Amino acid sequence: MKLSVWTYEGPPHVGAMRVATGMTDLHYVLHAPQGDTYADLLFTMIERRDHRPPVTYTTFQARDLGSDTADLFKTACEDAYARFQPQAMIVGASCTAELIQDDPGGMAETMGMPIPVVPLELPSYQRKENFGCDETFFQLVKALAGPVEKTEAITANLIGPTALGFRHRDDITEVARHLEEMGIGVNVVAPMGATPEDLTRLGAAHFNVLMYPETAENAARWMERELGLPFTKTVPIGVGATRDFLKEVSDITGLPVQTDESRLRLPWYSASVDSTYLTGKRVFLFGDGTHVAAAARIAQDEMGFEVVGLGCYNREQARNIRRVAKDYGVEATITDDYLEVEAAIEAAAPEMILGTQMERHIGKRLGIPCAVISAPVHVQDFPARYAPQMGFEGANVIFDTWVHPLVMGLEEHLLHMFREDFEFNDDAGPSHHAAHSPAQRPAEPAEEGGAAPRPAAPDSPRDISTQEEGPAGVGGIEIVWRPAAEKELKKIPFFVRGKAKRNTEAFARERGVAEIDVDTLYEAKAHYAR
């Protein structure tokens, strides 16, 4: 199993936990060694949930391996039922417990529990977290759902949202609002907010809205085949996709599209003069397949960006992402290695990254602004406010999220351009204070010949986007930047400055040049422009 500092997806049992934590009155008994309870923190600390996941761990220790660990599992199941009285249970093993082959599912079937017990077979060393979500929800639906009488009015199930999902809570509200405007009710939302009893009523709906293929496509296909429930294929992220989604719902139900577009803010800006600043911005996209495919369409068709690279980390979506990449004339990056993603971004030299929490870190290292569009995410992407990604309000949120880093980046670039100005240098006081004046600095010694001493020029700190630890030396040669060359380097926009610096240093090393002056900088520029 590959070990890394960062990982895009956890093991599949974390996906099962996402389903269990999103639901109510469902309990998960996880055969796992002591220490695997770390996953609780994902929900209580990062998602900021007000209760811990409904999971009972067997927490066997090394000394237990010499005895019967199966008894530990059976005892844990009995204790969990007695304490929590759930409507149903799911049982499985963590990646470590899988190695001892205790077969939790088989053991649970022999215990005669008075509630449905759904065994999970999650291959920890071949599959990952999103597969765990998809497979767990599928097994629950398969075990509990069945043919029932349809609701009198047209209703839909919203399927796919889970705990620890990227804006899933708010996406539910926004999609339900769009359906309500068309006169369509919501029968069941699952897994998030549903009970096992609710899953038995899934067949009463007239169709399913598949919100996230990563977490519910298997269940959607099973319900289409076994319960006669068609499901939507368009994920309503972005203005165009939301309109297509509503048209698809209309085709399924026969109801006319009715929606309030007055709350949209993106279209008027896209038609304005101000938006020309965004036109042609080069962006690189990476995340889960669903959000990357949707974001690529928004980037090119609705924001006027140029897609210079895209990819996903979940191999289940690789085929679709390769097809999307072909449409944009780029090669898809399919990998779960963040170092490969960083190398692809560095090679593409975009002006903006649309990615996950890990691409946010990559952007900081490369000096490129990043907006988060996909899980995995950190606590700041579980906002307390209403901030969906889907529907028309989601389009407004995406518009803000993407535009702000670029506009603030422009401001940063302007400040760098004028950093030698008497009013904007780093030692100047706040310009909105009437009596402000630049901080006084010691005067330089008088020049030879009796000339009056000159005030020292403001000594701006070295720009962090061009700073490296230690001398940039190779083969005993230490690369040194002359002050004039450093000053010229700072005139280059911050989002490509790092690449220009690296190229210039590589150019200097190849020619054995130890000191980079302005001439070297422009010679390197001409060399790489060929």
Protein backbone atom coordinates (compact mmCIF):
# COMPACT_ATOMS: atom_id res chain seq x y z
CA MET A 1 0.00 0.00 0.00
CA LYS A 2 1.44 3.35 -1.02
CA LEU A 3 2.23 5.66 1.86
CA SER A 4 2.29 9.42 1.33
CA VAL A 5 2.26 12.66 3.25
CA TRP A 6 -1.06 13.65 1.68
CA THR A 7 -3.83 11.50 0.29
CA TYR A 8 -6.84 12.43 -1.84
CA GLU A 9 -9.00 9.56 -0.60
CA GLY A 10 -8.98 7.50 2.54
CA PRO A 11 -9.57 3.74 2.61
CA PRO A 12 -13.03 2.45 1.67
CA HIS A 13 -14.20 2.01 5.26
CA VAL A 14 -14.00 5.81 5.61
CA GLY A 15 -16.46 5.99 2.71
CA ALA A 16 -18.77 3.64 4.61
CA MET A 17 -18.45 5.94 7.62
CA ARG A 18 -19.50 8.90 5.47
CA VAL A 19 -22.72 7.08 4.58
CA ALA A 20 -23.40 5.95 8.16
CA THR A 21 -22.65 9.39 9.61
CA GLY A 22 -24.92 11.09 7.09
CA MET A 23 -27.84 8.81 7.97
CA THR A 24 -29.72 8.45 11.25
CA ASP A 25 -30.69 5.28 13.11
CA LEU A 26 -28.03 3.33 11.23
CA HIS A 27 -25.04 1.93 13.09
CA TYR A 28 -21.68 0.77 11.74
CA VAL A 29 -19.72 -1.94 13.55
CA LEU A 30 -16.15 -1.79 12.29
CA HIS A 31 -13.70 -4.59 13.00
CA ALA A 32 -10.53 -2.54 13.46
CA PRO A 33 -7.38 -2.41 15.57
CA GLN A 34 -6.75 0.15 18.26
CA GLY A 35 -5.85 3.44 16.60
CA ASP A 36 -8.24 3.32 13.64
CA THR A 37 -10.64 5.62 15.48
CA TYR A 38 -8.72 8.57 14.01
CA ALA A 39 -11.43 8.85 11.34
CA ASP A 40 -13.83 10.39 13.89
CA LEU A 41 -11.83 13.60 13.73
CA LEU A 42 -12.64 14.04 10.05
CA PHE A 43 -16.28 14.61 10.97
CA THR A 44 -16.10 16.34 14.35
CA MET A 45 -13.13 18.63 13.65
CA ILE A 46 -13.08 19.22 9.88
CA GLU A 47 -16.80 19.08 9.10
CA ARG A 48 -17.64 20.49 12.56
CA ARG A 49 -20.51 18.08 13.20
CA ASP A 50 -22.18 18.27 16.59
CA HIS A 51 -21.98 14.51 17.17
CA ARG A 52 -19.48 11.76 16.53
CA PRO A 53 -20.02 9.14 13.81
CA PRO A 54 -22.33 6.21 14.74
CA VAL A 55 -19.50 3.71 14.67
CA THR A 56 -18.51 1.01 17.17
CA TYR A 57 -14.94 -0.24 16.83
CA THR A 58 -13.77 -3.62 18.10
CA THR A 59 -10.35 -2.00 18.76
CA PHE A 60 -8.44 -5.24 19.12
CA GLN A 61 -4.80 -5.00 20.22
CA ALA A 62 -1.69 -6.94 19.31
CA ARG A 63 -2.08 -9.30 22.28
CA ASP A 64 -5.61 -10.19 21.06
CA LEU A 65 -4.26 -11.68 17.84
CA GLY A 66 -3.22 -14.82 19.71
CA SER A 67 -6.82 -15.44 20.80
CA ASP A 68 -10.20 -15.36 19.09
CA THR A 69 -10.75 -11.88 17.66
CA ALA A 70 -14.08 -13.09 16.22
CA ASP A 71 -15.52 -13.09 19.74
CA LEU A 72 -14.54 -9.44 20.08
CA PHE A 73 -16.53 -8.63 16.97
CA LYS A 74 -19.64 -10.51 18.10
CA THR A 75 -19.53 -8.82 21.49
CA ALA A 76 -19.17 -5.40 19.84
CA CYS A 77 -22.26 -6.05 17.67
CA GLU A 78 -24.37 -7.11 20.63
CA ASP A 79 -23.26 -4.16 22.75
CA ALA A 80 -23.88 -1.68 19.90
CA TYR A 81 -27.43 -2.93 19.38
CA ALA A 82 -28.22 -2.89 23.09
CA ARG A 83 -26.89 0.65 23.53
CA PHE A 84 -28.03 2.44 20.35
CA GLN A 85 -31.12 0.46 19.23
CA PRO A 86 -30.60 1.27 15.53
CA GLN A 87 -33.07 0.41 12.76
CA ALA A 88 -30.28 -1.37 10.84
CA MET A 89 -26.58 -2.14 11.02
CA ILE A 90 -23.73 -2.30 8.56
CA VAL A 91 -20.67 -4.37 9.43
CA GLY A 92 -17.21 -4.52 7.94
CA ALA A 93 -13.48 -4.48 8.50
CA SER A 94 -10.84 -1.77 8.28
CA CYS A 95 -7.85 -2.21 5.99
CA THR A 96 -5.75 -3.58 8.87
CA ALA A 97 -8.42 -5.96 10.17
CA GLU A 98 -8.98 -7.28 6.66
CA LEU A 99 -5.60 -8.99 6.89
CA ILE A 100 -6.72 -11.34 9.67
CA GLN A 101 -9.72 -12.54 7.60
CA ASP A 102 -12.33 -12.79 10.35
CA ASP A 103 -15.25 -12.27 7.89
CA PRO A 104 -17.43 -9.82 9.87
CA GLY A 105 -20.31 -10.21 7.44
CA GLY A 106 -20.46 -13.96 7.81
CA MET A 107 -20.27 -13.73 11.59
CA ALA A 108 -23.06 -11.15 11.73
CA GLU A 109 -25.38 -13.38 9.69
CA THR A 110 -25.07 -16.17 12.31
CA MET A 111 -25.89 -13.90 15.25
CA GLY A 112 -29.65 -13.69 14.67
CA MET A 113 -29.88 -9.92 15.18
CA PRO A 114 -33.50 -8.60 15.29
CA ILE A 115 -32.72 -5.87 12.73
CA PRO A 116 -31.36 -5.92 9.17
CA VAL A 117 -27.58 -6.38 9.16
CA VAL A 118 -25.88 -5.46 5.89
CA PRO A 119 -22.37 -6.90 5.39
CA LEU A 120 -19.83 -4.81 3.47
CA GLU A 121 -17.11 -6.31 1.32
CA LEU A 122 -14.76 -3.38 0.74
CA PRO A 123 -11.39 -4.37 -0.77
CA SER A 124 -9.16 -1.98 1.15
CA TYR A 125 -6.04 -2.58 -0.91
CA GLN A 126 -7.66 -2.15 -4.33
CA ARG A 127 -10.31 0.54 -3.84
CA LYS A 128 -10.71 3.79 -1.90
CA GLU A 129 -13.07 6.17 -0.13
CA ASN A 130 -15.48 7.14 -2.92
CA PHE A 131 -15.90 3.49 -3.86
CA GLY A 132 -16.66 2.81 -0.19
CA CYS A 133 -19.47 5.41 -0.27
CA ASP A 134 -20.91 4.07 -3.51
CA GLU A 135 -20.75 0.41 -2.51
CA THR A 136 -22.15 0.97 1.01
CA PHE A 137 -25.14 2.97 -0.22
CA PHE A 138 -25.76 0.44 -3.00
CA GLN A 139 -25.78 -2.47 -0.54
CA LEU A 140 -28.16 -0.61 1.78
CA VAL A 141 -30.55 0.23 -1.06
CA LYS A 142 -30.39 -3.30 -2.42
CA ALA A 143 -31.16 -4.75 1.02
CA LEU A 144 -33.91 -2.34 2.07
CA ALA A 145 -35.62 -0.80 -0.98
CA GLY A 146 -38.37 -2.53 -2.92
CA PRO A 147 -41.43 -1.87 -5.08
CA VAL A 148 -44.00 0.35 -3.34
CA GLU A 149 -46.94 2.46 -4.46
CA LYS A 150 -45.96 5.74 -6.13
CA THR A 151 -46.73 9.07 -4.52
CA GLU A 152 -49.82 10.76 -5.92
CA ALA A 153 -47.95 13.93 -6.83
CA ILE A 154 -44.72 13.81 -8.83
CA THR A 155 -41.75 13.42 -6.48
CA ALA A 156 -38.03 12.76 -6.76
CA ASN A 157 -35.36 11.20 -4.60
CA LEU A 158 -32.15 13.18 -4.14
CA ILE A 159 -29.41 10.58 -3.91
CA GLY A 160 -25.69 10.83 -3.28
CA PRO A 161 -25.09 13.45 -0.55
CA THR A 162 -23.06 12.12 2.38
CA ALA A 163 -21.30 13.38 5.46
CA LEU A 164 -17.92 14.99 4.75
CA GLY A 165 -19.08 15.84 1.22
CA PHE A 166 -18.14 19.10 -0.48
CA ARG A 167 -21.12 21.46 0.15
CA HIS A 168 -23.58 18.53 0.09
CA ARG A 169 -25.76 20.05 2.82
CA ASP A 170 -26.41 23.23 0.84
CA ASP A 171 -26.66 21.49 -2.54
CA ILE A 172 -29.66 19.56 -1.20
CA THR A 173 -31.47 22.80 -0.36
CA GLU A 174 -30.72 24.39 -3.73
CA VAL A 175 -31.73 21.38 -5.85
CA ALA A 176 -34.93 20.92 -3.83
CA ARG A 177 -35.73 24.59 -4.43
CA HIS A 178 -35.42 24.19 -8.20
CA LEU A 179 -37.65 21.11 -8.14
CA GLU A 180 -40.21 22.91 -6.00
CA GLU A 181 -40.38 25.74 -8.56
CA MET A 182 -41.44 23.11 -11.10
CA GLY A 183 -44.03 21.63 -8.75
CA ILE A 184 -41.99 18.54 -7.88
CA GLY A 185 -41.71 17.35 -4.29
CA VAL A 186 -38.85 15.51 -2.63
CA ASN A 187 -39.67 11.96 -1.56
CA VAL A 188 -36.38 10.90 0.11
CA VAL A 189 -32.94 12.45 0.42
CA ALA A 190 -30.33 9.76 0.93
CA PRO A 191 -27.92 8.89 2.38
CA MET A 192 -27.75 12.28 4.17
CA GLY A 193 -30.63 12.71 6.60
CA ALA A 194 -32.30 9.40 5.77
CA THR A 195 -33.14 6.51 8.10
CA PRO A 196 -33.08 2.85 7.01
CA GLU A 197 -36.90 3.00 7.06
CA ASP A 198 -36.77 5.92 4.58
CA LEU A 199 -34.78 3.74 2.18
CA THR A 200 -37.74 1.33 2.01
CA ARG A 201 -39.77 4.23 0.49
CA LEU A 202 -37.34 5.07 -2.32
CA GLY A 203 -39.51 3.28 -4.87
CA ALA A 204 -42.43 5.65 -4.20
CA ALA A 205 -40.71 8.45 -6.14
CA HIS A 206 -41.11 8.97 -9.88
CA PHE A 207 -37.41 9.49 -10.60
CA ASN A 208 -34.02 9.94 -8.95
CA VAL A 209 -31.78 12.99 -9.05
CA LEU A 210 -28.23 11.61 -9.06
CA MET A 211 -26.37 14.45 -7.41
CA TYR A 212 -22.93 12.85 -7.10
CA PRO A 213 -22.07 9.87 -9.35
CA GLU A 214 -19.03 9.05 -7.17
CA THR A 215 -21.25 8.14 -4.23
CA ALA A 216 -24.55 6.84 -5.66
CA GLU A 217 -24.35 5.78 -9.31
CA ASN A 218 -24.51 2.05 -8.56
CA ALA A 219 -27.64 2.56 -6.45
CA ALA A 220 -29.19 4.76 -9.16
CA ARG A 221 -28.61 2.12 -11.83
CA TRP A 222 -30.00 -0.64 -9.60
CA MET A 223 -33.16 1.37 -8.87
CA GLU A 224 -33.61 2.15 -12.57
CA ARG A 225 -33.41 -1.58 -13.34
CA GLU A 226 -35.31 -3.02 -10.38
CA LEU A 227 -37.75 -0.24 -9.40
CA GLY A 228 -38.29 1.48 -12.73
CA LEU A 229 -36.86 4.81 -11.52
CA PRO A 230 -35.08 6.83 -14.23
CA PHE A 231 -32.31 9.09 -12.99
CA THR A 232 -30.86 12.40 -14.17
CA LYS A 233 -27.48 12.33 -15.88
CA THR A 234 -26.68 16.08 -15.67
CA VAL A 235 -25.07 17.41 -12.49
CA PRO A 236 -26.44 20.97 -12.05
CA ILE A 237 -23.20 22.80 -11.30
CA GLY A 238 -22.96 26.05 -13.28
CA VAL A 239 -25.53 28.12 -15.15
CA GLY A 240 -25.53 26.06 -18.34
CA ALA A 241 -25.56 22.72 -16.52
CA THR A 242 -28.43 23.86 -14.27
CA ARG A 243 -30.50 24.83 -17.31
CA ASP A 244 -29.70 21.45 -18.92
CA PHE A 245 -30.65 19.68 -15.68
CA LEU A 246 -34.02 21.42 -15.54
CA LYS A 247 -34.66 20.50 -19.17
CA GLU A 248 -33.80 16.87 -18.36
CA VAL A 249 -36.22 16.90 -15.41
CA SER A 250 -38.87 18.34 -17.72
CA ASP A 251 -38.29 15.55 -20.25
CA ILE A 252 -38.65 12.89 -17.52
CA THR A 253 -41.77 14.33 -15.87
CA GLY A 254 -43.50 16.15 -18.73
CA LEU A 255 -43.69 19.30 -16.61
CA PRO A 256 -42.60 22.65 -18.10
CA VAL A 257 -39.37 24.23 -16.89
CA GLN A 258 -40.14 26.94 -14.37
CA THR A 259 -37.35 28.73 -12.56
CA ASP A 260 -36.39 32.15 -11.25
CA GLU A 261 -33.19 33.30 -12.96
CA SER A 262 -33.37 36.80 -11.52
CA ARG A 263 -31.11 35.76 -8.66
CA LEU A 264 -28.26 34.94 -11.03
CA ARG A 265 -25.27 37.31 -10.84
CA LEU A 266 -22.83 35.67 -13.25
CA PRO A 267 -24.40 36.41 -16.66
CA TRP A 268 -24.50 40.20 -16.34
CA TYR A 269 -20.85 40.31 -15.26
CA SER A 270 -19.77 38.01 -18.09
CA ALA A 271 -21.30 40.51 -20.54
CA SER A 272 -19.68 43.53 -18.89
CA VAL A 273 -16.50 45.38 -19.83
CA ASP A 274 -14.96 44.53 -16.45
CA SER A 275 -15.07 40.82 -17.24
CA THR A 276 -12.52 41.24 -20.04
CA TYR A 277 -9.82 41.07 -17.36
CA LEU A 278 -10.80 37.41 -16.87
CA THR A 279 -10.94 36.47 -20.55
CA GLY A 280 -8.26 34.02 -21.56
CA LYS A 281 -6.97 33.33 -18.03
CA ARG A 282 -5.15 30.00 -18.12
CA VAL A 283 -6.52 27.55 -15.54
CA PHE A 284 -5.62 24.03 -14.38
CA LEU A 285 -8.35 21.86 -12.82
CA PHE A 286 -7.98 18.85 -10.54
CA GLY A 287 -10.30 17.04 -8.13
CA ASP A 288 -13.02 14.40 -8.23
CA GLY A 289 -14.40 13.62 -11.67
CA THR A 290 -17.85 15.16 -11.21
CA HIS A 291 -16.67 18.56 -10.01
CA VAL A 292 -13.78 18.78 -12.49
CA ALA A 293 -16.02 18.05 -15.49
CA ALA A 294 -18.54 20.65 -14.32
CA ALA A 295 -15.85 23.22 -13.52
CA ALA A 296 -14.22 22.83 -16.94
CA ARG A 297 -17.49 23.77 -18.63
CA ILE A 298 -17.97 26.77 -16.35
CA ALA A 299 -14.37 27.88 -16.83
CA GLN A 300 -14.49 27.91 -20.62
CA ASP A 301 -18.12 28.64 -21.48
CA GLU A 302 -19.20 30.91 -18.62
CA MET A 303 -16.02 32.62 -17.42
CA GLY A 304 -14.03 32.80 -20.66
CA PHE A 305 -10.99 31.04 -19.21
CA GLU A 306 -8.61 28.81 -21.15
CA VAL A 307 -8.35 25.26 -19.78
CA VAL A 308 -4.66 24.28 -19.99
CA GLY A 309 -4.86 21.09 -17.92
CA LEU A 310 -7.28 18.95 -15.95
CA GLY A 311 -7.46 15.63 -14.18
CA CYS A 312 -8.97 13.61 -11.36
CA TYR A 313 -7.77 11.34 -8.57
CA ASN A 314 -10.63 8.78 -8.54
CA ARG A 315 -9.96 6.21 -11.21
CA GLU A 316 -13.66 5.28 -11.41
CA GLN A 317 -14.15 8.60 -13.24
CA ALA A 318 -11.00 8.37 -15.36
CA ARG A 319 -12.74 7.41 -18.61
CA ASN A 320 -15.14 10.36 -18.43
CA ILE A 321 -12.36 12.80 -17.52
CA ARG A 322 -10.20 11.62 -20.42
CA ARG A 323 -13.15 12.28 -22.73
CA VAL A 324 -13.62 15.76 -21.23
CA ALA A 325 -9.90 16.51 -21.53
CA LYS A 326 -9.98 15.54 -25.20
CA ASP A 327 -12.79 18.05 -25.77
CA TYR A 328 -10.57 20.80 -24.38
CA GLY A 329 -7.48 19.71 -26.29
CA VAL A 330 -5.42 18.72 -23.22
CA GLU A 331 -4.14 15.46 -21.78
CA ALA A 332 -5.88 14.24 -18.64
CA THR A 333 -3.85 13.80 -15.44
CA ILE A 334 -5.23 10.69 -13.72
CA THR A 335 -3.30 10.08 -10.52
CA ASP A 336 -3.62 10.00 -6.75
CA ASP A 337 -0.03 11.19 -6.29
CA TYR A 338 -0.01 14.89 -5.37
CA LEU A 339 3.61 15.21 -6.54
CA GLU A 340 2.58 14.22 -10.08
CA VAL A 341 -0.20 16.80 -9.91
CA GLU A 342 2.27 19.47 -8.78
CA ALA A 343 4.61 18.61 -11.65
CA ALA A 344 1.74 18.83 -14.16
CA ILE A 345 0.67 22.21 -12.79
CA GLU A 346 4.21 23.53 -12.85
CA ALA A 347 4.64 22.41 -16.47
CA ALA A 348 1.35 24.00 -17.55
CA ALA A 349 2.20 27.28 -15.76
CA PRO A 350 -1.44 28.33 -15.28
CA GLU A 351 -2.57 31.67 -13.91
CA MET A 352 -5.05 29.97 -11.60
CA ILE A 353 -5.66 26.52 -10.11
CA LEU A 354 -9.11 25.07 -9.50
CA GLY A 355 -8.57 22.08 -7.25
CA THR A 356 -8.73 20.49 -3.82
CA GLN A 357 -7.19 21.41 -0.49
CA MET A 358 -3.95 19.81 -1.72
CA GLU A 359 -3.82 21.99 -4.83
CA ARG A 360 -4.30 24.96 -2.51
CA HIS A 361 -0.99 24.01 -0.88
CA ILE A 362 0.62 23.45 -4.29
CA GLY A 363 -0.56 26.91 -5.35
CA LYS A 364 1.04 28.47 -2.29
CA ARG A 365 4.37 26.83 -3.10
CA LEU A 366 4.23 27.90 -6.75
CA GLY A 367 2.80 31.36 -6.12
CA ILE A 368 -0.40 30.63 -8.09
CA PRO A 369 -3.87 31.53 -6.77
CA CYS A 370 -6.15 28.56 -6.14
CA ALA A 371 -9.90 28.19 -5.64
CA VAL A 372 -11.22 24.96 -4.12
CA ILE A 373 -13.81 23.13 -6.24
CA SER A 374 -13.73 19.58 -4.86
CA ALA A 375 -13.07 17.36 -1.86
CA PRO A 376 -10.78 16.67 -0.09
CA VAL A 377 -11.18 19.97 1.71
CA HIS A 378 -10.34 21.47 5.06
CA VAL A 379 -12.45 23.21 7.68
CA GLN A 380 -12.68 26.52 5.78
CA ASP A 381 -14.63 24.77 3.03
CA PHE A 382 -17.38 23.69 5.43
CA PRO A 383 -18.80 27.20 5.94
CA ALA A 384 -21.52 27.96 8.47
CA ARG A 385 -23.23 30.16 5.86
CA TYR A 386 -25.30 28.94 2.92
CA ALA A 387 -22.80 28.23 0.14
CA PRO A 388 -23.98 25.59 -2.38
CA GLN A 389 -22.22 24.57 -5.57
CA MET A 390 -25.34 23.42 -7.41
CA GLY A 391 -28.14 25.45 -8.95
CA PHE A 392 -28.26 29.17 -9.66
CA GLU A 393 -27.19 30.19 -6.17
CA GLY A 394 -24.32 27.73 -6.51
CA ALA A 395 -23.31 29.52 -9.72
CA ASN A 396 -23.16 32.78 -7.75
CA VAL A 397 -20.99 31.16 -5.07
CA ILE A 398 -18.65 29.69 -7.70
CA PHE A 399 -18.40 33.04 -9.44
CA ASP A 400 -17.28 34.73 -6.21
CA THR A 401 -14.93 31.91 -5.27
CA TRP A 402 -13.12 31.97 -8.60
CA VAL A 403 -13.05 35.67 -9.34
CA HIS A 404 -11.87 36.90 -5.96
CA PRO A 405 -8.41 35.23 -6.06
CA LEU A 406 -7.79 36.68 -9.52
CA VAL A 407 -8.95 40.19 -8.65
CA MET A 408 -7.00 40.19 -5.39
CA GLY A 409 -4.06 38.78 -7.34
CA LEU A 410 -4.26 41.77 -9.67
CA GLU A 411 -4.15 44.06 -6.65
CA GLU A 412 -1.09 42.22 -5.34
CA HIS A 413 0.61 42.58 -8.73
CA LEU A 414 -0.11 46.33 -8.79
CA LEU A 415 1.31 46.73 -5.28
CA HIS A 416 4.46 44.92 -6.40
CA MET A 417 4.73 47.15 -9.46
CA PHE A 418 4.60 50.29 -7.35
CA ARG A 419 6.49 49.03 -4.31
CA GLU A 420 9.34 51.51 -4.93
CA ASP A 421 6.92 54.45 -5.00
CA PHE A 422 7.28 56.83 -2.04
CA GLU A 423 3.65 56.28 -1.06
CA PHE A 424 3.39 52.52 -1.52
CA ASN A 425 6.73 51.20 -0.32
CA ASP A 426 6.75 48.83 2.62
CA ASP A 427 7.90 51.47 5.11
CA ALA A 428 5.15 53.97 4.26
CA GLY A 429 2.39 54.47 6.80
CA PRO A 430 -1.32 54.06 5.99
CA SER A 431 -2.11 56.30 3.03
CA HIS A 432 -5.60 57.15 4.33
CA HIS A 433 -4.11 58.95 7.36
CA ALA A 434 -3.71 62.63 6.51
CA ALA A 435 -0.57 63.11 8.56
CA HIS A 436 1.17 59.92 7.53
CA SER A 437 4.71 59.97 6.30
CA PRO A 438 7.21 57.24 5.39
CA ALA A 439 9.15 55.85 8.32
CA GLN A 440 12.46 57.57 8.85
CA ARG A 441 15.49 55.50 7.97
CA PRO A 442 19.16 56.17 8.70
CA ALA A 443 20.86 58.29 6.07
CA GLU A 444 23.61 56.78 3.97
CA PRO A 445 27.17 58.12 4.48
CA ALA A 446 28.11 61.23 2.55
CA GLU A 447 29.53 60.56 -0.90
CA GLU A 448 33.14 61.33 -1.67
CA GLY A 449 33.62 64.98 -2.59
CA GLY A 450 31.55 66.43 0.24
CA ALA A 451 28.11 65.82 -1.23
CA ALA A 452 25.26 65.89 1.24
CA PRO A 453 24.21 62.51 2.59
CA ARG A 454 21.33 60.82 0.74
CA PRO A 455 18.38 59.28 2.62
CA ALA A 456 18.45 55.50 2.37
CA ALA A 457 16.01 54.00 -0.09
CA PRO A 458 13.28 51.91 1.47
CA ASP A 459 14.61 48.43 2.02
CA SER A 460 11.73 46.20 0.97
CA PRO A 461 11.81 42.66 2.27
CA ARG A 462 12.69 39.98 -0.22
CA ASP A 463 9.54 38.77 -1.99
CA ILE A 464 8.59 35.34 -0.65
CA SER A 465 7.58 34.13 -4.11
CA THR A 466 11.20 34.44 -5.26
CA GLN A 467 12.89 33.27 -2.09
CA GLU A 468 14.56 29.91 -1.65
CA GLU A 469 16.24 28.37 1.36
CA GLY A 470 19.98 28.61 0.96
CA PRO A 471 21.99 29.52 -2.14
CA ALA A 472 20.75 28.15 -5.45
CA GLY A 473 24.03 26.41 -6.18
CA VAL A 474 24.89 23.43 -8.36
CA GLY A 475 28.31 21.87 -8.74
CA GLY A 476 29.94 24.31 -6.31
CA ILE A 477 28.54 27.41 -8.09
CA GLU A 478 26.33 29.61 -5.94
CA ILE A 479 23.73 31.49 -7.97
CA VAL A 480 23.45 35.10 -6.80
CA TRP A 481 20.90 37.62 -8.02
CA ARG A 482 22.17 41.18 -8.51
CA PRO A 483 19.89 43.84 -6.96
CA ALA A 484 18.96 45.30 -10.35
CA ALA A 485 18.01 41.85 -11.65
CA GLU A 486 15.90 41.12 -8.57
CA LYS A 487 14.15 44.45 -9.03
CA GLU A 488 13.42 43.60 -12.66
CA LEU A 489 12.19 40.13 -11.67
CA LYS A 490 9.60 41.68 -9.36
CA LYS A 491 8.03 43.43 -12.33
CA ILE A 492 6.97 40.04 -13.70
CA PRO A 493 3.39 39.13 -12.63
CA PHE A 494 3.45 37.07 -9.44
CA PHE A 495 1.65 34.10 -10.97
CA VAL A 496 4.50 33.41 -13.44
CA ARG A 497 7.36 34.95 -11.48
CA GLY A 498 8.37 31.66 -9.88
CA LYS A 499 8.69 29.94 -13.24
CA ALA A 500 10.69 32.86 -14.67
CA LYS A 501 13.06 32.69 -11.70
CA ARG A 502 13.58 28.93 -12.05
CA ASN A 503 14.14 29.17 -15.81
CA THR A 504 16.66 31.97 -15.41
CA GLU A 505 18.62 30.06 -12.76
CA ALA A 506 18.63 26.92 -14.93
CA PHE A 507 19.86 29.03 -17.86
CA ALA A 508 22.64 30.49 -15.69
CA ARG A 509 23.74 27.08 -14.39
CA GLU A 510 23.99 25.63 -17.88
CA ARG A 511 26.39 28.44 -18.81
CA GLY A 512 28.34 28.46 -15.56
CA VAL A 513 27.13 31.97 -14.68
CA ALA A 514 27.29 32.60 -10.94
CA GLU A 515 25.75 36.09 -10.84
CA ILE A 516 22.45 36.89 -12.55
CA ASP A 517 22.15 40.45 -13.79
CA VAL A 518 19.49 42.11 -15.93
CA ASP A 519 21.18 40.97 -19.15
CA THR A 520 21.14 37.34 -17.98
CA LEU A 521 17.46 37.63 -17.11
CA TYR A 522 16.53 38.83 -20.60
CA GLU A 523 18.86 36.38 -22.32
CA ALA A 524 17.09 33.57 -20.48
CA LYS A 525 13.72 35.01 -21.47
CA ALA A 526 14.75 35.06 -25.14
CA HIS A 527 16.14 31.52 -24.88
CA TYR A 528 12.93 30.00 -23.51
CA ALA A 529 10.73 32.01 -25.86
CA ARG A 530 12.15 30.24 -28.92
